[in-house]
Amino acid sequence: MSRPHFAQDPVDPLLTTREAAVRLGVSLRTVQLWVEAGTLPAGRTPGGHRRIRLSAVEALAQRSGLRAAAQSASSLPTGDAPLDVLLVAATVDQLQIWREALQSLGPNVSVRGANNGYTGLLQLGRQVPDLLVTDLAMPDIDGYAMLLTLSSLQEYTSMRVLAITAQSPQQIAERGGLPDRVRVLHQPAPAMAVRTWVEGELGRRGRPILVGVPT
């Protein structure tokens, strides 16, 4: 008779979602988001409690450098921190186009990027961005489900989102719509439209656009 997948193992113990969050240096809700998205494999005990293998947590930490990122982020001052912009694109080419459109905005903007939804979720867990620009159609992640889940998590309530899609407003409505704070930009979406949105968010926060200043 085979051993149950979530049986106790002294070499590879089971962790609660809270214990996994502490080891990874992220919030409890972020771990729950990753579990729901399949980024972090988990199972349930006979009593219905989620448990995660230590080996799965360590593998995720090693792949993504989450703990190192958490340690370095904790030492950074926040008062004059640049606007943190996370770009989650469906392709490498699209990500590069968006990066190039934003690169001359100066030191008041810091740009991170992911060329797939899986890596985007890891980036979201490392640090909640001020602005998220994301494709809705990605081969590995349902963009609608991701944004709806993020809208339900307290730590992401201040994050502003620009969603890029080729779908019509009617098609979006048929999917159940998107959270109120999500701005939709329909394809074909010029990169300068993304830049204009980021510039608008800078202005809304009273931050100058230092064009021509190296980032």
Foldseek 3Di string as FASTA:
>chain_A
DDDPPQDADPVWGKDALCVLCVVLLFDSLLSVLCCVLVLQPWDADPVGGIIGTPVSSVVVCVVQVRVVLNVVVVPDDDPQQAQEEEEEAQAPVVQVQLCVLAQQQARNYDYDYHNADSVVSVVCRSDPGQEYEYECDHPRGRNQVSQVSLCVDPVNVNHAYEYEEQDDPVVCVVVVHGDPRYHYDHPVHHSNVVVVVVVVVCVVVVHHRPGPYHD
